[in-house]
Amino acid sequence: AAITSGGSTNYADSVKGRFTISRDNAKNTVYLQMNSLKPE
């Protein structure tokens, strides 16, 4: 997953609907919330 400074996001098909990327520009920090994790 990727996210721009403006908030545009892009996800791999394999994680769409399960992972969410977010960003705190003030902290220069990016997060990846991963739900419904699979062994893959």
PDB file of all heavy atoms in Angstrom:
ATOM      1  N   ALA A   1       0.844  -1.185   0.000  1.00  0.00           N
ATOM      2  CA  ALA A   1       0.000   0.000   0.000  1.00  0.00           C
ATOM      3  C   ALA A   1       0.876   1.231   0.000  1.00  0.00           C
ATOM      4  O   ALA A   1       2.000   1.208   0.498  1.00  0.00           O
ATOM      5  CB  ALA A   1      -0.939   0.013   1.213  1.00  0.00           C
ATOM      6  N   ALA A   2       0.348   2.298  -0.553  1.00  0.00           N
ATOM      7  CA  ALA A   2       1.068   3.562  -0.585  1.00  0.00           C
ATOM      8  C   ALA A   2       0.090   4.707  -0.416  1.00  0.00           C
ATOM      9  O   ALA A   2      -1.098   4.580  -0.731  1.00  0.00           O
ATOM     10  CB  ALA A   2       1.841   3.718  -1.898  1.00  0.00           C
ATOM     11  N   ILE A   3       0.604   5.810   0.069  1.00  0.00           N
ATOM     12  CA  ILE A   3      -0.227   6.982   0.286  1.00  0.00           C
ATOM     13  C   ILE A   3       0.601   8.228   0.017  1.00  0.00           C
ATOM     14  O   ILE A   3       1.764   8.314   0.401  1.00  0.00           O
ATOM     15  CB  ILE A   3      -0.817   6.991   1.721  1.00  0.00           C
ATOM     16  CG1 ILE A   3      -1.776   8.157   1.911  1.00  0.00           C
ATOM     17  CG2 ILE A   3       0.294   7.002   2.769  1.00  0.00           C
ATOM     18  CD1 ILE A   3      -2.596   8.051   3.200  1.00  0.00           C
ATOM     19  N   THR A   4       0.003   9.190  -0.655  1.00  0.00           N
ATOM     20  CA  THR A   4       0.674  10.445  -0.943  1.00  0.00           C
ATOM     21  C   THR A   4       0.418  11.441   0.174  1.00  0.00           C
ATOM     22  O   THR A   4      -0.407  11.224   1.064  1.00  0.00           O
ATOM     23  CB  THR A   4       0.203  11.036  -2.273  1.00  0.00           C
ATOM     24  OG1 THR A   4      -1.166  11.461  -2.145  1.00  0.00           O
ATOM     25  CG2 THR A   4       0.315  10.017  -3.398  1.00  0.00           C
ATOM     26  N   SER A   5       1.118  12.553   0.102  1.00  0.00           N
ATOM     27  CA  SER A   5       0.919  13.598   1.098  1.00  0.00           C
ATOM     28  C   SER A   5      -0.492  14.164   1.049  1.00  0.00           C
ATOM     29  O   SER A   5      -0.984  14.675   2.055  1.00  0.00           O
ATOM     30  CB  SER A   5       1.941  14.725   0.906  1.00  0.00           C
ATOM     31  OG  SER A   5       1.806  15.322  -0.373  1.00  0.00           O
ATOM     32  N   GLY A   6      -1.128  14.063  -0.110  1.00  0.00           N
ATOM     33  CA  GLY A   6      -2.493  14.535  -0.258  1.00  0.00           C
ATOM     34  C   GLY A   6      -3.548  13.534   0.140  1.00  0.00           C
ATOM     35  O   GLY A   6      -4.740  13.861   0.129  1.00  0.00           O
ATOM     36  N   GLY A   7      -3.134  12.316   0.469  1.00  0.00           N
ATOM     37  CA  GLY A   7      -4.072  11.320   0.940  1.00  0.00           C
ATOM     38  C   GLY A   7      -4.518  10.300  -0.084  1.00  0.00           C
ATOM     39  O   GLY A   7      -5.337   9.430   0.241  1.00  0.00           O
ATOM     40  N   SER A   8      -4.012  10.373  -1.303  1.00  0.00           N
ATOM     41  CA  SER A   8      -4.351   9.365  -2.296  1.00  0.00           C
ATOM     42  C   SER A   8      -3.701   8.041  -1.932  1.00  0.00           C
ATOM     43  O   SER A   8      -2.538   8.005  -1.537  1.00  0.00           O
ATOM     44  CB  SER A   8      -3.896   9.800  -3.683  1.00  0.00           C
ATOM     45  OG  SER A   8      -4.562  10.981  -4.089  1.00  0.00           O
ATOM     46  N   THR A   9      -4.440   6.960  -2.083  1.00  0.00           N
ATOM     47  CA  THR A   9      -3.949   5.649  -1.674  1.00  0.00           C
ATOM     48  C   THR A   9      -3.968   4.665  -2.823  1.00  0.00           C
ATOM     49  O   THR A   9      -4.720   4.808  -3.784  1.00  0.00           O
ATOM     50  CB  THR A   9      -4.777   5.076  -0.516  1.00  0.00           C
ATOM     51  OG1 THR A   9      -6.151   4.973  -0.920  1.00  0.00           O
ATOM     52  CG2 THR A   9      -4.681   5.972   0.708  1.00  0.00           C
ATOM     53  N   ASN A  10      -3.140   3.655  -2.690  1.00  0.00           N
ATOM     54  CA  ASN A  10      -3.069   2.573  -3.649  1.00  0.00           C
ATOM     55  C   ASN A  10      -2.785   1.292  -2.881  1.00  0.00           C
ATOM     56  O   ASN A  10      -1.920   1.275  -2.005  1.00  0.00           O
ATOM     57  CB  ASN A  10      -1.981   2.828  -4.687  1.00  0.00           C
ATOM     58  CG  ASN A  10      -1.969   1.786  -5.775  1.00  0.00           C
ATOM     59  OD1 ASN A  10      -3.007   1.381  -6.275  1.00  0.00           O
ATOM     60  ND2 ASN A  10      -0.772   1.351  -6.170  1.00  0.00           N
ATOM     61  N   TYR A  11      -3.509   0.222  -3.220  1.00  0.00           N
ATOM     62  CA  TYR A  11      -3.374  -1.043  -2.526  1.00  0.00           C
ATOM     63  C   TYR A  11      -3.148  -2.174  -3.502  1.00  0.00           C
ATOM     64  O   TYR A  11      -3.683  -2.175  -4.616  1.00  0.00           O
ATOM     65  CB  TYR A  11      -4.628  -1.376  -1.720  1.00  0.00           C
ATOM     66  CG  TYR A  11      -4.929  -0.442  -0.586  1.00  0.00           C
ATOM     67  CD1 TYR A  11      -5.763   0.655  -0.769  1.00  0.00           C
ATOM     68  CD2 TYR A  11      -4.397  -0.657   0.678  1.00  0.00           C
ATOM     69  CE1 TYR A  11      -6.050   1.512   0.273  1.00  0.00           C
ATOM     70  CE2 TYR A  11      -4.684   0.193   1.728  1.00  0.00           C
ATOM     71  CZ  TYR A  11      -5.513   1.277   1.520  1.00  0.00           C
ATOM     72  OH  TYR A  11      -5.806   2.131   2.558  1.00  0.00           O
ATOM     73  N   ALA A  12      -2.378  -3.146  -3.069  1.00  0.00           N
ATOM     74  CA  ALA A  12      -2.287  -4.388  -3.815  1.00  0.00           C
ATOM     75  C   ALA A  12      -3.626  -5.100  -3.764  1.00  0.00           C
ATOM     76  O   ALA A  12      -4.347  -5.030  -2.757  1.00  0.00           O
ATOM     77  CB  ALA A  12      -1.196  -5.283  -3.231  1.00  0.00           C
ATOM     78  N   ASP A  13      -3.976  -5.776  -4.841  1.00  0.00           N
ATOM     79  CA  ASP A  13      -5.261  -6.463  -4.884  1.00  0.00           C
ATOM     80  C   ASP A  13      -5.410  -7.471  -3.747  1.00  0.00           C
ATOM     81  O   ASP A  13      -6.516  -7.680  -3.236  1.00  0.00           O
ATOM     82  CB  ASP A  13      -5.434  -7.171  -6.222  1.00  0.00           C
ATOM     83  CG  ASP A  13      -5.661  -6.214  -7.372  1.00  0.00           C
ATOM     84  OD1 ASP A  13      -6.053  -5.056  -7.125  1.00  0.00           O
ATOM     85  OD2 ASP A  13      -5.453  -6.627  -8.527  1.00  0.00           O
ATOM     86  N   SER A  14      -4.323  -8.073  -3.346  1.00  0.00           N
ATOM     87  CA  SER A  14      -4.375  -9.111  -2.335  1.00  0.00           C
ATOM     88  C   SER A  14      -4.737  -8.598  -0.945  1.00  0.00           C
ATOM     89  O   SER A  14      -5.101  -9.391  -0.069  1.00  0.00           O
ATOM     90  CB  SER A  14      -3.037  -9.853  -2.265  1.00  0.00           C
ATOM     91  OG  SER A  14      -1.983  -8.966  -1.951  1.00  0.00           O
ATOM     92  N   VAL A  15      -4.644  -7.292  -0.731  1.00  0.00           N
ATOM     93  CA  VAL A  15      -4.921  -6.744   0.595  1.00  0.00           C
ATOM     94  C   VAL A  15      -6.094  -5.784   0.610  1.00  0.00           C
ATOM     95  O   VAL A  15      -6.476  -5.300   1.690  1.00  0.00           O
ATOM     96  CB  VAL A  15      -3.679  -6.048   1.194  1.00  0.00           C
ATOM     97  CG1 VAL A  15      -2.483  -6.992   1.187  1.00  0.00           C
ATOM     98  CG2 VAL A  15      -3.354  -4.764   0.435  1.00  0.00           C
ATOM     99  N   LYS A  16      -6.669  -5.509  -0.526  1.00  0.00           N
ATOM    100  CA  LYS A  16      -7.806  -4.595  -0.574  1.00  0.00           C
ATOM    101  C   LYS A  16      -8.947  -5.111   0.287  1.00  0.00           C
ATOM    102  O   LYS A  16      -9.294  -6.281   0.247  1.00  0.00           O
ATOM    103  CB  LYS A  16      -8.280  -4.410  -2.014  1.00  0.00           C
ATOM    104  CG  LYS A  16      -7.385  -3.532  -2.860  1.00  0.00           C
ATOM    105  CD  LYS A  16      -7.953  -3.348  -4.258  1.00  0.00           C
ATOM    106  CE  LYS A  16      -7.077  -2.432  -5.088  1.00  0.00           C
ATOM    107  NZ  LYS A  16      -7.590  -2.275  -6.467  1.00  0.00           N
ATOM    108  N   GLY A  17      -9.505  -4.210   1.061  1.00  0.00           N
ATOM    109  CA  GLY A  17     -10.583  -4.566   1.956  1.00  0.00           C
ATOM    110  C   GLY A  17     -10.131  -5.079   3.294  1.00  0.00           C
ATOM    111  O   GLY A  17     -10.949  -5.199   4.213  1.00  0.00           O
ATOM    112  N   ARG A  18      -8.846  -5.394   3.425  1.00  0.00           N
ATOM    113  CA  ARG A  18      -8.317  -5.906   4.685  1.00  0.00           C
ATOM    114  C   ARG A  18      -7.314  -4.949   5.325  1.00  0.00           C
ATOM    115  O   ARG A  18      -7.262  -4.841   6.546  1.00  0.00           O
ATOM    116  CB  ARG A  18      -7.642  -7.258   4.477  1.00  0.00           C
ATOM    117  CG  ARG A  18      -8.575  -8.337   3.945  1.00  0.00           C
ATOM    118  CD  ARG A  18      -7.909  -9.708   3.961  1.00  0.00           C
ATOM    119  NE  ARG A  18      -6.739  -9.763   3.090  1.00  0.00           N
ATOM    120  CZ  ARG A  18      -5.509 -10.050   3.502  1.00  0.00           C
ATOM    121  NH1 ARG A  18      -5.277 -10.324   4.782  1.00  0.00           N
ATOM    122  NH2 ARG A  18      -4.499 -10.087   2.631  1.00  0.00           N
ATOM    123  N   PHE A  19      -6.523  -4.288   4.506  1.00  0.00           N
ATOM    124  CA  PHE A  19      -5.492  -3.385   5.008  1.00  0.00           C
ATOM    125  C   PHE A  19      -5.896  -1.948   4.738  1.00  0.00           C
ATOM    126  O   PHE A  19      -6.524  -1.643   3.719  1.00  0.00           O
ATOM    127  CB  PHE A  19      -4.151  -3.645   4.324  1.00  0.00           C
ATOM    128  CG  PHE A  19      -3.498  -4.952   4.667  1.00  0.00           C
ATOM    129  CD1 PHE A  19      -4.159  -5.928   5.396  1.00  0.00           C
ATOM    130  CD2 PHE A  19      -2.206  -5.202   4.239  1.00  0.00           C
ATOM    131  CE1 PHE A  19      -3.550  -7.135   5.701  1.00  0.00           C
ATOM    132  CE2 PHE A  19      -1.586  -6.402   4.539  1.00  0.00           C
ATOM    133  CZ  PHE A  19      -2.254  -7.373   5.267  1.00  0.00           C
ATOM    134  N   THR A  20      -5.501  -1.073   5.631  1.00  0.00           N
ATOM    135  CA  THR A  20      -5.742   0.350   5.465  1.00  0.00           C
ATOM    136  C   THR A  20      -4.470   1.121   5.777  1.00  0.00           C
ATOM    137  O   THR A  20      -3.885   0.941   6.842  1.00  0.00           O
ATOM    138  CB  THR A  20      -6.869   0.847   6.384  1.00  0.00           C
ATOM    139  OG1 THR A  20      -8.068   0.119   6.116  1.00  0.00           O
ATOM    140  CG2 THR A  20      -7.127   2.338   6.148  1.00  0.00           C
ATOM    141  N   ILE A  21      -4.062   1.949   4.841  1.00  0.00           N
ATOM    142  CA  ILE A  21      -2.895   2.778   5.058  1.00  0.00           C
ATOM    143  C   ILE A  21      -3.348   4.184   5.427  1.00  0.00           C
ATOM    144  O   ILE A  21      -4.333   4.693   4.894  1.00  0.00           O
ATOM    145  CB  ILE A  21      -1.975   2.795   3.820  1.00  0.00           C
ATOM    146  CG1 ILE A  21      -0.638   3.468   4.139  1.00  0.00           C
ATOM    147  CG2 ILE A  21      -2.648   3.455   2.629  1.00  0.00           C
ATOM    148  CD1 ILE A  21       0.412   3.279   3.056  1.00  0.00           C
ATOM    149  N   SER A  22      -2.643   4.785   6.347  1.00  0.00           N
ATOM    150  CA  SER A  22      -2.942   6.139   6.758  1.00  0.00           C
ATOM    151  C   SER A  22      -1.638   6.857   7.052  1.00  0.00           C
ATOM    152  O   SER A  22      -0.578   6.246   7.149  1.00  0.00           O
ATOM    153  CB  SER A  22      -3.877   6.169   7.972  1.00  0.00           C
ATOM    154  OG  SER A  22      -3.293   5.515   9.081  1.00  0.00           O
ATOM    155  N   ARG A  23      -1.748   8.158   7.216  1.00  0.00           N
ATOM    156  CA  ARG A  23      -0.535   8.957   7.343  1.00  0.00           C
ATOM    157  C   ARG A  23      -0.784  10.170   8.215  1.00  0.00           C
ATOM    158  O   ARG A  23      -1.829  10.809   8.130  1.00  0.00           O
ATOM    159  CB  ARG A  23      -0.075   9.379   5.937  1.00  0.00           C
ATOM    160  CG  ARG A  23       1.107  10.297   5.862  1.00  0.00           C
ATOM    161  CD  ARG A  23       1.529  10.463   4.415  1.00  0.00           C
ATOM    162  NE  ARG A  23       2.585  11.442   4.263  1.00  0.00           N
ATOM    163  CZ  ARG A  23       3.246  11.668   3.139  1.00  0.00           C
ATOM    164  NH1 ARG A  23       2.958  10.967   2.051  1.00  0.00           N
ATOM    165  NH2 ARG A  23       4.195  12.584   3.103  1.00  0.00           N
ATOM    166  N   ASP A  24       0.185  10.473   9.033  1.00  0.00           N
ATOM    167  CA  ASP A  24       0.182  11.683   9.833  1.00  0.00           C
ATOM    168  C   ASP A  24       1.330  12.538   9.319  1.00  0.00           C
ATOM    169  O   ASP A  24       2.493  12.308   9.659  1.00  0.00           O
ATOM    170  CB  ASP A  24       0.352  11.361  11.318  1.00  0.00           C
ATOM    171  CG  ASP A  24       0.198  12.576  12.206  1.00  0.00           C
ATOM    172  OD1 ASP A  24       0.430  13.703  11.737  1.00  0.00           O
ATOM    173  OD2 ASP A  24      -0.156  12.402  13.382  1.00  0.00           O
ATOM    174  N   ASN A  25       1.015  13.496   8.489  1.00  0.00           N
ATOM    175  CA  ASN A  25       2.051  14.312   7.868  1.00  0.00           C
ATOM    176  C   ASN A  25       2.840  15.123   8.891  1.00  0.00           C
ATOM    177  O   ASN A  25       4.039  15.342   8.720  1.00  0.00           O
ATOM    178  CB  ASN A  25       1.432  15.249   6.827  1.00  0.00           C
ATOM    179  CG  ASN A  25       0.921  14.519   5.609  1.00  0.00           C
ATOM    180  OD1 ASN A  25       1.441  13.467   5.244  1.00  0.00           O
ATOM    181  ND2 ASN A  25      -0.096  15.069   4.970  1.00  0.00           N
ATOM    182  N   ALA A  26       2.164  15.572   9.927  1.00  0.00           N
ATOM    183  CA  ALA A  26       2.840  16.363  10.943  1.00  0.00           C
ATOM    184  C   ALA A  26       3.913  15.561  11.664  1.00  0.00           C
ATOM    185  O   ALA A  26       4.923  16.111  12.102  1.00  0.00           O
ATOM    186  CB  ALA A  26       1.834  16.922  11.941  1.00  0.00           C
ATOM    187  N   LYS A  27       3.686  14.265  11.791  1.00  0.00           N
ATOM    188  CA  LYS A  27       4.634  13.394  12.471  1.00  0.00           C
ATOM    189  C   LYS A  27       5.527  12.621  11.512  1.00  0.00           C
ATOM    190  O   LYS A  27       6.374  11.846  11.956  1.00  0.00           O
ATOM    191  CB  LYS A  27       3.897  12.405  13.368  1.00  0.00           C
ATOM    192  CG  LYS A  27       3.117  13.046  14.502  1.00  0.00           C
ATOM    193  CD  LYS A  27       2.417  11.994  15.353  1.00  0.00           C
ATOM    194  CE  LYS A  27       1.660  12.623  16.497  1.00  0.00           C
ATOM    195  NZ  LYS A  27       0.957  11.601  17.323  1.00  0.00           N
ATOM    196  N   ASN A  28       5.322  12.824  10.206  1.00  0.00           N
ATOM    197  CA  ASN A  28       6.061  12.062   9.193  1.00  0.00           C
ATOM    198  C   ASN A  28       5.989  10.566   9.470  1.00  0.00           C
ATOM    199  O   ASN A  28       6.993   9.853   9.408  1.00  0.00           O
ATOM    200  CB  ASN A  28       7.517  12.529   9.119  1.00  0.00           C
ATOM    201  CG  ASN A  28       7.653  13.902   8.500  1.00  0.00           C
ATOM    202  OD1 ASN A  28       6.945  14.239   7.550  1.00  0.00           O
ATOM    203  ND2 ASN A  28       8.566  14.705   9.024  1.00  0.00           N
ATOM    204  N   THR A  29       4.797  10.126   9.750  1.00  0.00           N
ATOM    205  CA  THR A  29       4.570   8.744  10.124  1.00  0.00           C
ATOM    206  C   THR A  29       3.475   8.141   9.255  1.00  0.00           C
ATOM    207  O   THR A  29       2.459   8.788   8.986  1.00  0.00           O
ATOM    208  CB  THR A  29       4.184   8.627  11.602  1.00  0.00           C
ATOM    209  OG1 THR A  29       5.239   9.160  12.410  1.00  0.00           O
ATOM    210  CG2 THR A  29       3.952   7.178  11.993  1.00  0.00           C
ATOM    211  N   VAL A  30       3.694   6.921   8.832  1.00  0.00           N
ATOM    212  CA  VAL A  30       2.707   6.191   8.065  1.00  0.00           C
ATOM    213  C   VAL A  30       2.346   4.924   8.829  1.00  0.00           C
ATOM    214  O   VAL A  30       3.194   4.325   9.498  1.00  0.00           O
ATOM    215  CB  VAL A  30       3.226   5.860   6.644  1.00  0.00           C
ATOM    216  CG1 VAL A  30       4.426   4.925   6.694  1.00  0.00           C
ATOM    217  CG2 VAL A  30       2.117   5.266   5.787  1.00  0.00           C
ATOM    218  N   TYR A  31       1.084   4.539   8.724  1.00  0.00           N
ATOM    219  CA  TYR A  31       0.576   3.380   9.433  1.00  0.00           C
ATOM    220  C   TYR A  31      -0.030   2.396   8.452  1.00  0.00           C
ATOM    221  O   TYR A  31      -0.504   2.766   7.382  1.00  0.00           O
ATOM    222  CB  TYR A  31      -0.496   3.782  10.446  1.00  0.00           C
ATOM    223  CG  TYR A  31      -0.062   4.849  11.419  1.00  0.00           C
ATOM    224  CD1 TYR A  31      -0.271   6.197  11.136  1.00  0.00           C
ATOM    225  CD2 TYR A  31       0.555   4.516  12.615  1.00  0.00           C
ATOM    226  CE1 TYR A  31       0.125   7.179  12.026  1.00  0.00           C
ATOM    227  CE2 TYR A  31       0.953   5.489  13.507  1.00  0.00           C
ATOM    228  CZ  TYR A  31       0.728   6.825  13.211  1.00  0.00           C
ATOM    229  OH  TYR A  31       1.124   7.804  14.094  1.00  0.00           O
ATOM    230  N   LEU A  32      -0.026   1.156   8.841  1.00  0.00           N
ATOM    231  CA  LEU A  32      -0.698   0.127   8.075  1.00  0.00           C
ATOM    232  C   LEU A  32      -1.506  -0.721   9.037  1.00  0.00           C
ATOM    233  O   LEU A  32      -0.946  -1.478   9.830  1.00  0.00           O
ATOM    234  CB  LEU A  32       0.296  -0.752   7.307  1.00  0.00           C
ATOM    235  CG  LEU A  32      -0.332  -1.778   6.364  1.00  0.00           C
ATOM    236  CD1 LEU A  32      -1.026  -1.075   5.196  1.00  0.00           C
ATOM    237  CD2 LEU A  32       0.712  -2.754   5.852  1.00  0.00           C
ATOM    238  N   GLN A  33      -2.812  -0.553   8.976  1.00  0.00           N
ATOM    239  CA  GLN A  33      -3.712  -1.369   9.770  1.00  0.00           C
ATOM    240  C   GLN A  33      -4.026  -2.627   8.982  1.00  0.00           C
ATOM    241  O   GLN A  33      -4.571  -2.549   7.883  1.00  0.00           O
ATOM    242  CB  GLN A  33      -4.995  -0.604  10.092  1.00  0.00           C
ATOM    243  CG  GLN A  33      -6.024  -1.406  10.882  1.00  0.00           C
ATOM    244  CD  GLN A  33      -5.554  -1.764  12.266  1.00  0.00           C
ATOM    245  OE1 GLN A  33      -5.028  -0.910  12.975  1.00  0.00           O
ATOM    246  NE2 GLN A  33      -5.743  -3.007  12.662  1.00  0.00           N
ATOM    247  N   MET A  34      -3.693  -3.764   9.546  1.00  0.00           N
ATOM    248  CA  MET A  34      -3.863  -5.040   8.870  1.00  0.00           C
ATOM    249  C   MET A  34      -4.894  -5.861   9.627  1.00  0.00           C
ATOM    250  O   MET A  34      -4.675  -6.231  10.783  1.00  0.00           O
ATOM    251  CB  MET A  34      -2.540  -5.790   8.784  1.00  0.00           C
ATOM    252  CG  MET A  34      -1.426  -4.995   8.103  1.00  0.00           C
ATOM    253  SD  MET A  34       0.095  -5.959   7.904  1.00  0.00           S
ATOM    254  CE  MET A  34       0.550  -6.184   9.625  1.00  0.00           C
ATOM    255  N   ASN A  35      -5.997  -6.129   8.981  1.00  0.00           N
ATOM    256  CA  ASN A  35      -7.068  -6.921   9.556  1.00  0.00           C
ATOM    257  C   ASN A  35      -7.248  -8.213   8.768  1.00  0.00           C
ATOM    258  O   ASN A  35      -6.793  -8.330   7.629  1.00  0.00           O
ATOM    259  CB  ASN A  35      -8.383  -6.131   9.564  1.00  0.00           C
ATOM    260  CG  ASN A  35      -8.319  -4.875  10.389  1.00  0.00           C
ATOM    261  OD1 ASN A  35      -7.658  -4.831  11.426  1.00  0.00           O
ATOM    262  ND2 ASN A  35      -9.025  -3.834   9.945  1.00  0.00           N
ATOM    263  N   SER A  36      -7.928  -9.154   9.380  1.00  0.00           N
ATOM    264  CA  SER A  36      -8.211 -10.437   8.733  1.00  0.00           C
ATOM    265  C   SER A  36      -6.951 -11.048   8.138  1.00  0.00           C
ATOM    266  O   SER A  36      -6.927 -11.488   6.986  1.00  0.00           O
ATOM    267  CB  SER A  36      -9.284 -10.260   7.647  1.00  0.00           C
ATOM    268  OG  SER A  36     -10.480  -9.736   8.193  1.00  0.00           O
ATOM    269  N   LEU A  37      -5.915 -11.082   8.931  1.00  0.00           N
ATOM    270  CA  LEU A  37      -4.629 -11.543   8.443  1.00  0.00           C
ATOM    271  C   LEU A  37      -4.661 -13.026   8.085  1.00  0.00           C
ATOM    272  O   LEU A  37      -5.330 -13.827   8.741  1.00  0.00           O
ATOM    273  CB  LEU A  37      -3.547 -11.281   9.482  1.00  0.00           C
ATOM    274  CG  LEU A  37      -3.082  -9.825   9.545  1.00  0.00           C
ATOM    275  CD1 LEU A  37      -2.358  -9.546  10.844  1.00  0.00           C
ATOM    276  CD2 LEU A  37      -2.180  -9.513   8.353  1.00  0.00           C
ATOM    277  N   LYS A  38      -3.922 -13.350   7.046  1.00  0.00           N
ATOM    278  CA  LYS A  38      -3.825 -14.702   6.539  1.00  0.00           C
ATOM    279  C   LYS A  38      -2.376 -15.168   6.607  1.00  0.00           C
ATOM    280  O   LYS A  38      -1.459 -14.349   6.605  1.00  0.00           O
ATOM    281  CB  LYS A  38      -4.306 -14.759   5.082  1.00  0.00           C
ATOM    282  CG  LYS A  38      -5.697 -14.214   4.841  1.00  0.00           C
ATOM    283  CD  LYS A  38      -6.007 -14.191   3.353  1.00  0.00           C
ATOM    284  CE  LYS A  38      -7.379 -13.626   3.086  1.00  0.00           C
ATOM    285  NZ  LYS A  38      -7.681 -13.578   1.628  1.00  0.00           N
ATOM    286  N   PRO A  39      -2.155 -16.474   6.651  1.00  0.00           N
ATOM    287  CA  PRO A  39      -0.773 -16.959   6.618  1.00  0.00           C
ATOM    288  C   PRO A  39       0.017 -16.443   5.423  1.00  0.00           C
ATOM    289  O   PRO A  39       1.230 -16.242   5.531  1.00  0.00           O
ATOM    290  CB  PRO A  39      -0.941 -18.482   6.558  1.00  0.00           C
ATOM    291  CG  PRO A  39      -2.232 -18.732   7.253  1.00  0.00           C
ATOM    292  CD  PRO A  39      -3.111 -17.575   6.866  1.00  0.00           C
ATOM    293  N   GLU A  40      -0.662 -16.210   4.316  1.00  0.00           N
ATOM    294  CA  GLU A  40       0.002 -15.694   3.129  1.00  0.00           C
ATOM    295  C   GLU A  40       0.531 -14.280   3.312  1.00  0.00           C
ATOM    296  O   GLU A  40       1.322 -13.807   2.497  1.00  0.00           O
ATOM    297  CB  GLU A  40      -0.954 -15.719   1.927  1.00  0.00           C
ATOM    298  CG  GLU A  40      -1.581 -17.071   1.663  1.00  0.00           C
ATOM    299  CD  GLU A  40      -2.934 -17.217   2.331  1.00  0.00           C
ATOM    300  OE1 GLU A  40      -2.955 -17.628   3.517  1.00  0.00           O
ATOM    301  OE2 GLU A  40      -3.959 -16.934   1.681  1.00  0.00           O
TER     302      GLU A  40
END
